[in-house]
PDB file of all heavy atoms in Angstrom:
ATOM      1  N   ALA A   1      68.849 -31.040  50.717  1.00  0.00           N
ATOM      2  CA  ALA A   1      68.107 -32.134  50.074  1.00  0.00           C
ATOM      3  C   ALA A   1      68.636 -32.522  48.763  1.00  0.00           C
ATOM      4  O   ALA A   1      68.789 -33.843  48.502  1.00  0.00           O
ATOM      5  CB  ALA A   1      66.636 -31.542  49.830  1.00  0.00           C
ATOM      6  N   ALA A   2      69.131 -31.592  47.928  1.00  0.00           N
ATOM      7  CA  ALA A   2      69.659 -31.964  46.525  1.00  0.00           C
ATOM      8  C   ALA A   2      70.999 -32.795  46.775  1.00  0.00           C
ATOM      9  O   ALA A   2      71.183 -33.977  46.159  1.00  0.00           O
ATOM     10  CB  ALA A   2      70.136 -30.675  45.816  1.00  0.00           C
ATOM     11  N   HIS A   3      71.843 -32.419  47.632  1.00  0.00           N
ATOM     12  CA  HIS A   3      73.098 -33.166  47.832  1.00  0.00           C
ATOM     13  C   HIS A   3      72.885 -34.513  48.431  1.00  0.00           C
ATOM     14  O   HIS A   3      73.529 -35.530  48.228  1.00  0.00           O
ATOM     15  CB  HIS A   3      74.005 -32.355  48.643  1.00  0.00           C
ATOM     16  CG  HIS A   3      74.539 -31.069  47.964  1.00  0.00           C
ATOM     17  ND1 HIS A   3      74.918 -29.913  48.470  1.00  0.00           N
ATOM     18  CD2 HIS A   3      74.822 -30.960  46.608  1.00  0.00           C
ATOM     19  CE1 HIS A   3      75.381 -29.039  47.591  1.00  0.00           C
ATOM     20  NE2 HIS A   3      75.280 -29.510  46.422  1.00  0.00           N
ATOM     21  N   LYS A   4      71.926 -34.523  49.388  1.00  0.00           N
ATOM     22  CA  LYS A   4      71.528 -35.765  50.134  1.00  0.00           C
ATOM     23  C   LYS A   4      70.961 -36.865  49.093  1.00  0.00           C
ATOM     24  O   LYS A   4      71.482 -37.986  49.184  1.00  0.00           O
ATOM     25  CB  LYS A   4      70.532 -35.450  51.235  1.00  0.00           C
ATOM     26  CG  LYS A   4      70.047 -36.728  51.983  1.00  0.00           C
ATOM     27  CD  LYS A   4      71.074 -37.252  52.986  1.00  0.00           C
ATOM     28  CE  LYS A   4      70.520 -38.331  53.811  1.00  0.00           C
ATOM     29  NZ  LYS A   4      71.616 -38.798  54.741  1.00  0.00           N
ATOM     30  N   LEU A   5      70.087 -36.393  48.297  1.00  0.00           N
ATOM     31  CA  LEU A   5      69.393 -37.314  47.431  1.00  0.00           C
ATOM     32  C   LEU A   5      70.194 -37.590  46.073  1.00  0.00           C
ATOM     33  O   LEU A   5      69.715 -38.554  45.334  1.00  0.00           O
ATOM     34  CB  LEU A   5      68.058 -36.835  47.123  1.00  0.00           C
ATOM     35  CG  LEU A   5      67.062 -36.810  48.383  1.00  0.00           C
ATOM     36  CD1 LEU A   5      65.704 -36.342  48.075  1.00  0.00           C
ATOM     37  CD2 LEU A   5      66.929 -38.239  49.084  1.00  0.00           C
ATOM     38  N   ALA A   6      71.062 -36.795  45.794  1.00  0.00           N
ATOM     39  CA  ALA A   6      71.910 -37.008  44.552  1.00  0.00           C
ATOM     40  C   ALA A   6      72.616 -38.358  44.635  1.00  0.00           C
ATOM     41  O   ALA A   6      72.721 -39.061  43.578  1.00  0.00           O
ATOM     42  CB  ALA A   6      72.964 -35.981  44.406  1.00  0.00           C
ATOM     43  N   ALA A   7      72.908 -38.873  45.732  1.00  0.00           N
ATOM     44  CA  ALA A   7      73.607 -40.158  45.966  1.00  0.00           C
ATOM     45  C   ALA A   7      72.596 -41.231  45.524  1.00  0.00           C
ATOM     46  O   ALA A   7      73.025 -42.489  45.150  1.00  0.00           O
ATOM     47  CB  ALA A   7      74.060 -40.339  47.439  1.00  0.00           C
ATOM     48  N   LYS A   8      71.306 -41.039  45.539  1.00  0.00           N
ATOM     49  CA  LYS A   8      70.241 -42.003  45.073  1.00  0.00           C
ATOM     50  C   LYS A   8      69.885 -41.868  43.669  1.00  0.00           C
ATOM     51  O   LYS A   8      68.847 -42.349  43.173  1.00  0.00           O
ATOM     52  CB  LYS A   8      69.092 -41.899  45.979  1.00  0.00           C
ATOM     53  CG  LYS A   8      69.386 -42.186  47.432  1.00  0.00           C
ATOM     54  CD  LYS A   8      68.145 -42.171  48.315  1.00  0.00           C
ATOM     55  CE  LYS A   8      68.407 -42.613  49.823  1.00  0.00           C
ATOM     56  NZ  LYS A   8      67.182 -42.617  50.641  1.00  0.00           N
ATOM     57  N   GLY A   9      70.492 -41.028  42.886  1.00  0.00           N
ATOM     58  CA  GLY A   9      70.255 -40.703  41.592  1.00  0.00           C
ATOM     59  C   GLY A   9      69.216 -39.701  41.265  1.00  0.00           C
ATOM     60  O   GLY A   9      68.603 -39.562  40.333  1.00  0.00           O
ATOM     61  N   LYS A  10      68.826 -39.065  42.327  1.00  0.00           N
ATOM     62  CA  LYS A  10      67.681 -37.972  42.156  1.00  0.00           C
ATOM     63  C   LYS A  10      68.434 -36.633  42.185  1.00  0.00           C
ATOM     64  O   LYS A  10      68.845 -36.099  43.216  1.00  0.00           O
ATOM     65  CB  LYS A  10      66.772 -38.098  43.396  1.00  0.00           C
ATOM     66  CG  LYS A  10      65.940 -39.409  43.537  1.00  0.00           C
ATOM     67  CD  LYS A  10      64.841 -39.323  44.610  1.00  0.00           C
ATOM     68  CE  LYS A  10      63.918 -40.454  44.596  1.00  0.00           C
ATOM     69  NZ  LYS A  10      62.826 -40.334  45.553  1.00  0.00           N
ATOM     70  N   LYS A  11      68.376 -36.048  40.943  1.00  0.00           N
ATOM     71  CA  LYS A  11      69.090 -34.796  40.799  1.00  0.00           C
ATOM     72  C   LYS A  11      68.189 -33.768  39.989  1.00  0.00           C
ATOM     73  O   LYS A  11      68.672 -32.863  39.164  1.00  0.00           O
ATOM     74  CB  LYS A  11      70.368 -34.905  39.870  1.00  0.00           C
ATOM     75  CG  LYS A  11      71.341 -35.819  40.586  1.00  0.00           C
ATOM     76  CD  LYS A  11      72.718 -35.841  39.876  1.00  0.00           C
ATOM     77  CE  LYS A  11      73.396 -34.478  40.036  1.00  0.00           C
ATOM     78  NZ  LYS A  11      74.752 -34.418  39.623  1.00  0.00           N
ATOM     79  N   HIS A  12      66.862 -33.912  40.260  1.00  0.00           N
ATOM     80  CA  HIS A  12      65.926 -33.102  39.596  1.00  0.00           C
ATOM     81  C   HIS A  12      65.118 -32.332  40.671  1.00  0.00           C
ATOM     82  O   HIS A  12      64.743 -32.938  41.719  1.00  0.00           O
ATOM     83  CB  HIS A  12      64.978 -33.912  38.741  1.00  0.00           C
ATOM     84  CG  HIS A  12      63.736 -33.009  38.113  1.00  0.00           C
ATOM     85  ND1 HIS A  12      62.405 -33.367  38.432  1.00  0.00           N
ATOM     86  CD2 HIS A  12      63.790 -31.996  37.344  1.00  0.00           C
ATOM     87  CE1 HIS A  12      61.659 -32.409  37.852  1.00  0.00           C
ATOM     88  NE2 HIS A  12      62.376 -31.684  37.145  1.00  0.00           N
ATOM     89  N   LEU A  13      64.961 -30.959  40.540  1.00  0.00           N
ATOM     90  CA  LEU A  13      64.150 -30.103  41.492  1.00  0.00           C
ATOM     91  C   LEU A  13      62.988 -29.449  40.756  1.00  0.00           C
ATOM     92  O   LEU A  13      63.108 -29.145  39.649  1.00  0.00           O
ATOM     93  CB  LEU A  13      65.050 -29.152  42.202  1.00  0.00           C
ATOM     94  CG  LEU A  13      66.190 -29.790  43.100  1.00  0.00           C
ATOM     95  CD1 LEU A  13      67.422 -30.002  42.275  1.00  0.00           C
ATOM     96  CD2 LEU A  13      66.526 -28.729  44.339  1.00  0.00           C
ATOM     97  N   ILE A  14      61.997 -29.020  41.509  1.00  0.00           N
ATOM     98  CA  ILE A  14      60.859 -28.333  40.934  1.00  0.00           C
ATOM     99  C   ILE A  14      60.537 -27.058  41.742  1.00  0.00           C
ATOM    100  O   ILE A  14      60.613 -27.239  43.030  1.00  0.00           O
ATOM    101  CB  ILE A  14      59.572 -29.218  40.890  1.00  0.00           C
ATOM    102  CG1 ILE A  14      59.794 -30.373  40.036  1.00  0.00           C
ATOM    103  CG2 ILE A  14      58.457 -28.380  40.471  1.00  0.00           C
ATOM    104  CD1 ILE A  14      58.649 -31.478  40.133  1.00  0.00           C
ATOM    105  N   THR A  15      60.489 -26.003  41.188  1.00  0.00           N
ATOM    106  CA  THR A  15      60.149 -24.709  41.909  1.00  0.00           C
ATOM    107  C   THR A  15      59.332 -23.899  40.875  1.00  0.00           C
ATOM    108  O   THR A  15      58.825 -24.412  39.966  1.00  0.00           O
ATOM    109  CB  THR A  15      61.443 -23.971  42.419  1.00  0.00           C
ATOM    110  OG1 THR A  15      61.111 -22.837  43.220  1.00  0.00           O
ATOM    111  CG2 THR A  15      62.230 -23.429  41.227  1.00  0.00           C
ATOM    112  N   THR A  16      59.145 -22.526  41.157  1.00  0.00           N
ATOM    113  CA  THR A  16      58.390 -21.715  40.387  1.00  0.00           C
ATOM    114  C   THR A  16      59.259 -20.619  39.823  1.00  0.00           C
ATOM    115  O   THR A  16      60.431 -20.378  40.285  1.00  0.00           O
ATOM    116  CB  THR A  16      57.197 -21.134  40.960  1.00  0.00           C
ATOM    117  OG1 THR A  16      57.644 -20.129  41.943  1.00  0.00           O
ATOM    118  CG2 THR A  16      56.542 -22.263  41.718  1.00  0.00           C
ATOM    119  N   VAL A  17      58.784 -19.837  38.794  1.00  0.00           N
ATOM    120  CA  VAL A  17      59.687 -18.852  38.231  1.00  0.00           C
ATOM    121  C   VAL A  17      59.609 -17.508  39.050  1.00  0.00           C
ATOM    122  O   VAL A  17      60.343 -16.669  38.834  1.00  0.00           O
ATOM    123  CB  VAL A  17      59.081 -18.415  36.772  1.00  0.00           C
ATOM    124  CG1 VAL A  17      59.256 -19.640  35.838  1.00  0.00           C
ATOM    125  CG2 VAL A  17      57.643 -18.036  36.888  1.00  0.00           C
ATOM    126  N   PHE A  18      58.714 -17.434  40.006  1.00  0.00           N
ATOM    127  CA  PHE A  18      58.812 -16.176  40.626  1.00  0.00           C
ATOM    128  C   PHE A  18      58.937 -16.391  42.192  1.00  0.00           C
ATOM    129  O   PHE A  18      58.409 -15.608  43.128  1.00  0.00           O
ATOM    130  CB  PHE A  18      57.475 -15.416  40.478  1.00  0.00           C
ATOM    131  CG  PHE A  18      56.124 -15.738  41.304  1.00  0.00           C
ATOM    132  CD1 PHE A  18      55.105 -14.857  41.285  1.00  0.00           C
ATOM    133  CD2 PHE A  18      55.994 -17.036  41.808  1.00  0.00           C
ATOM    134  CE1 PHE A  18      54.022 -15.239  41.924  1.00  0.00           C
ATOM    135  CE2 PHE A  18      54.813 -17.274  42.499  1.00  0.00           C
ATOM    136  CZ  PHE A  18      53.798 -16.454  42.524  1.00  0.00           C
ATOM    137  N   GLU A  19      59.850 -17.339  42.635  1.00  0.00           N
ATOM    138  CA  GLU A  19      60.261 -17.469  44.000  1.00  0.00           C
ATOM    139  C   GLU A  19      61.157 -16.350  44.293  1.00  0.00           C
ATOM    140  O   GLU A  19      61.632 -15.541  43.578  1.00  0.00           O
ATOM    141  CB  GLU A  19      61.044 -18.756  44.128  1.00  0.00           C
ATOM    142  CG  GLU A  19      60.390 -20.043  43.788  1.00  0.00           C
ATOM    143  CD  GLU A  19      59.293 -20.349  44.844  1.00  0.00           C
ATOM    144  OE1 GLU A  19      59.571 -20.311  46.046  1.00  0.00           O
ATOM    145  OE2 GLU A  19      58.176 -20.629  44.429  1.00  0.00           O
ATOM    146  N   HIS A  20      61.488 -16.160  45.692  1.00  0.00           N
ATOM    147  CA  HIS A  20      62.385 -15.293  46.192  1.00  0.00           C
ATOM    148  C   HIS A  20      63.769 -15.639  45.511  1.00  0.00           C
ATOM    149  O   HIS A  20      64.038 -16.778  45.318  1.00  0.00           O
ATOM    150  CB  HIS A  20      62.368 -15.324  47.715  1.00  0.00           C
ATOM    151  CG  HIS A  20      63.240 -14.150  48.350  1.00  0.00           C
ATOM    152  ND1 HIS A  20      64.526 -14.264  48.418  1.00  0.00           N
ATOM    153  CD2 HIS A  20      62.733 -13.064  48.906  1.00  0.00           C
ATOM    154  CE1 HIS A  20      65.022 -13.190  49.039  1.00  0.00           C
ATOM    155  NE2 HIS A  20      63.920 -12.474  49.314  1.00  0.00           N
ATOM    156  N   HIS A  21      64.635 -14.625  45.478  1.00  0.00           N
ATOM    157  CA  HIS A  21      65.892 -14.965  44.955  1.00  0.00           C
ATOM    158  C   HIS A  21      66.750 -15.917  45.719  1.00  0.00           C
ATOM    159  O   HIS A  21      67.663 -16.469  45.249  1.00  0.00           O
ATOM    160  CB  HIS A  21      66.821 -13.690  44.669  1.00  0.00           C
ATOM    161  CG  HIS A  21      66.292 -12.946  43.539  1.00  0.00           C
ATOM    162  ND1 HIS A  21      66.051 -11.603  43.497  1.00  0.00           N
ATOM    163  CD2 HIS A  21      66.064 -13.306  42.223  1.00  0.00           C
ATOM    164  CE1 HIS A  21      65.673 -11.193  42.237  1.00  0.00           C
ATOM    165  NE2 HIS A  21      65.739 -12.299  41.396  1.00  0.00           N
ATOM    166  N   ALA A  22      66.380 -16.065  47.027  1.00  0.00           N
ATOM    167  CA  ALA A  22      67.008 -17.008  47.865  1.00  0.00           C
ATOM    168  C   ALA A  22      66.833 -18.434  47.461  1.00  0.00           C
ATOM    169  O   ALA A  22      67.777 -19.288  47.634  1.00  0.00           O
ATOM    170  CB  ALA A  22      66.605 -16.836  49.334  1.00  0.00           C
ATOM    171  N   VAL A  23      65.640 -18.607  46.877  1.00  0.00           N
ATOM    172  CA  VAL A  23      65.468 -19.903  46.150  1.00  0.00           C
ATOM    173  C   VAL A  23      65.949 -19.965  44.713  1.00  0.00           C
ATOM    174  O   VAL A  23      66.646 -20.980  44.396  1.00  0.00           O
ATOM    175  CB  VAL A  23      63.906 -20.235  46.265  1.00  0.00           C
ATOM    176  CG1 VAL A  23      63.462 -21.473  45.341  1.00  0.00           C
ATOM    177  CG2 VAL A  23      63.505 -20.419  47.639  1.00  0.00           C
ATOM    178  N   LEU A  24      65.711 -18.944  43.904  1.00  0.00           N
ATOM    179  CA  LEU A  24      66.099 -18.959  42.655  1.00  0.00           C
ATOM    180  C   LEU A  24      67.586 -19.111  42.394  1.00  0.00           C
ATOM    181  O   LEU A  24      67.991 -19.752  41.615  1.00  0.00           O
ATOM    182  CB  LEU A  24      65.531 -17.804  41.827  1.00  0.00           C
ATOM    183  CG  LEU A  24      63.966 -17.882  41.610  1.00  0.00           C
ATOM    184  CD1 LEU A  24      63.563 -16.471  41.016  1.00  0.00           C
ATOM    185  CD2 LEU A  24      63.472 -18.939  40.876  1.00  0.00           C
ATOM    186  N   HIS A  25      68.278 -18.246  43.184  1.00  0.00           N
ATOM    187  CA  HIS A  25      69.760 -18.248  42.998  1.00  0.00           C
ATOM    188  C   HIS A  25      70.329 -19.577  43.547  1.00  0.00           C
ATOM    189  O   HIS A  25      71.424 -19.987  43.087  1.00  0.00           O
ATOM    190  CB  HIS A  25      70.374 -17.100  43.676  1.00  0.00           C
ATOM    191  CG  HIS A  25      70.035 -15.743  43.006  1.00  0.00           C
ATOM    192  ND1 HIS A  25      70.386 -14.547  43.507  1.00  0.00           N
ATOM    193  CD2 HIS A  25      69.451 -15.498  41.809  1.00  0.00           C
ATOM    194  CE1 HIS A  25      69.987 -13.642  42.627  1.00  0.00           C
ATOM    195  NE2 HIS A  25      69.351 -14.243  41.733  1.00  0.00           N
ATOM    196  N   THR A  26      69.747 -20.171  44.516  1.00  0.00           N
ATOM    197  CA  THR A  26      70.227 -21.385  45.016  1.00  0.00           C
ATOM    198  C   THR A  26      70.024 -22.503  44.012  1.00  0.00           C
ATOM    199  O   THR A  26      70.932 -23.425  43.786  1.00  0.00           O
ATOM    200  CB  THR A  26      69.366 -21.818  46.305  1.00  0.00           C
ATOM    201  OG1 THR A  26      69.671 -20.850  47.350  1.00  0.00           O
ATOM    202  CG2 THR A  26      69.845 -23.139  46.917  1.00  0.00           C
ATOM    203  N   CYS A  27      68.855 -22.434  43.351  1.00  0.00           N
ATOM    204  CA  CYS A  27      68.560 -23.536  42.285  1.00  0.00           C
ATOM    205  C   CYS A  27      69.534 -23.385  41.016  1.00  0.00           C
ATOM    206  O   CYS A  27      70.070 -24.227  40.548  1.00  0.00           O
ATOM    207  CB  CYS A  27      67.113 -23.415  41.780  1.00  0.00           C
ATOM    208  SG  CYS A  27      65.965 -24.025  42.925  1.00  0.00           S
ATOM    209  N   ALA A  28      69.862 -22.089  40.757  1.00  0.00           N
ATOM    210  CA  ALA A  28      70.759 -21.604  39.696  1.00  0.00           C
ATOM    211  C   ALA A  28      72.174 -22.288  40.076  1.00  0.00           C
ATOM    212  O   ALA A  28      72.877 -22.798  39.163  1.00  0.00           O
ATOM    213  CB  ALA A  28      70.859 -20.200  39.473  1.00  0.00           C
ATOM    214  N   ALA A  29      72.594 -22.149  41.231  1.00  0.00           N
ATOM    215  CA  ALA A  29      73.897 -22.672  41.775  1.00  0.00           C
ATOM    216  C   ALA A  29      73.881 -24.269  41.598  1.00  0.00           C
ATOM    217  O   ALA A  29      74.878 -24.843  41.241  1.00  0.00           O
ATOM    218  CB  ALA A  29      74.179 -22.301  43.178  1.00  0.00           C
ATOM    219  N   LEU A  30      72.748 -24.883  42.044  1.00  0.00           N
ATOM    220  CA  LEU A  30      72.806 -26.210  41.771  1.00  0.00           C
ATOM    221  C   LEU A  30      72.740 -26.803  40.250  1.00  0.00           C
ATOM    222  O   LEU A  30      73.294 -27.805  39.926  1.00  0.00           O
ATOM    223  CB  LEU A  30      71.439 -26.847  42.549  1.00  0.00           C
ATOM    224  CG  LEU A  30      71.518 -26.789  43.996  1.00  0.00           C
ATOM    225  CD1 LEU A  30      70.066 -27.124  44.600  1.00  0.00           C
ATOM    226  CD2 LEU A  30      72.568 -27.778  44.536  1.00  0.00           C
ATOM    227  N   GLU A  31      72.185 -26.001  39.455  1.00  0.00           N
ATOM    228  CA  GLU A  31      72.214 -26.212  38.015  1.00  0.00           C
ATOM    229  C   GLU A  31      73.736 -26.259  37.544  1.00  0.00           C
ATOM    230  O   GLU A  31      74.131 -26.985  36.677  1.00  0.00           O
ATOM    231  CB  GLU A  31      71.484 -25.163  37.095  1.00  0.00           C
ATOM    232  CG  GLU A  31      69.913 -25.477  37.343  1.00  0.00           C
ATOM    233  CD  GLU A  31      69.135 -24.417  36.530  1.00  0.00           C
ATOM    234  OE1 GLU A  31      69.292 -23.241  36.803  1.00  0.00           O
ATOM    235  OE2 GLU A  31      68.473 -24.761  35.635  1.00  0.00           O
ATOM    236  N   LYS A  32      74.449 -25.410  38.045  1.00  0.00           N
ATOM    237  CA  LYS A  32      75.944 -25.293  37.727  1.00  0.00           C
ATOM    238  C   LYS A  32      76.642 -26.674  38.209  1.00  0.00           C
ATOM    239  O   LYS A  32      77.709 -27.034  37.855  1.00  0.00           O
ATOM    240  CB  LYS A  32      76.601 -23.991  38.342  1.00  0.00           C
ATOM    241  CG  LYS A  32      76.172 -22.817  37.686  1.00  0.00           C
ATOM    242  CD  LYS A  32      76.842 -21.523  38.291  1.00  0.00           C
ATOM    243  CE  LYS A  32      76.298 -20.333  37.737  1.00  0.00           C
ATOM    244  NZ  LYS A  32      76.993 -19.198  38.333  1.00  0.00           N
ATOM    245  N   GLU A  33      76.099 -27.289  39.277  1.00  0.00           N
ATOM    246  CA  GLU A  33      76.700 -28.547  39.668  1.00  0.00           C
ATOM    247  C   GLU A  33      76.085 -29.716  38.965  1.00  0.00           C
ATOM    248  O   GLU A  33      76.557 -30.956  39.234  1.00  0.00           O
ATOM    249  CB  GLU A  33      76.317 -28.755  41.156  1.00  0.00           C
ATOM    250  CG  GLU A  33      76.913 -27.654  42.151  1.00  0.00           C
ATOM    251  CD  GLU A  33      76.581 -27.815  43.596  1.00  0.00           C
ATOM    252  OE1 GLU A  33      76.272 -29.022  44.002  1.00  0.00           O
ATOM    253  OE2 GLU A  33      76.642 -27.003  44.335  1.00  0.00           O
TER     254      GLU A  33
END
């Protein structure tokens, strides 16, 4: 979703602080991008 919508200028995501690491680490990887 992030890579698809980045082309439209949408580079912001929302999640919570206590997600499973499969979500948190994925979001952290996207922050590096």
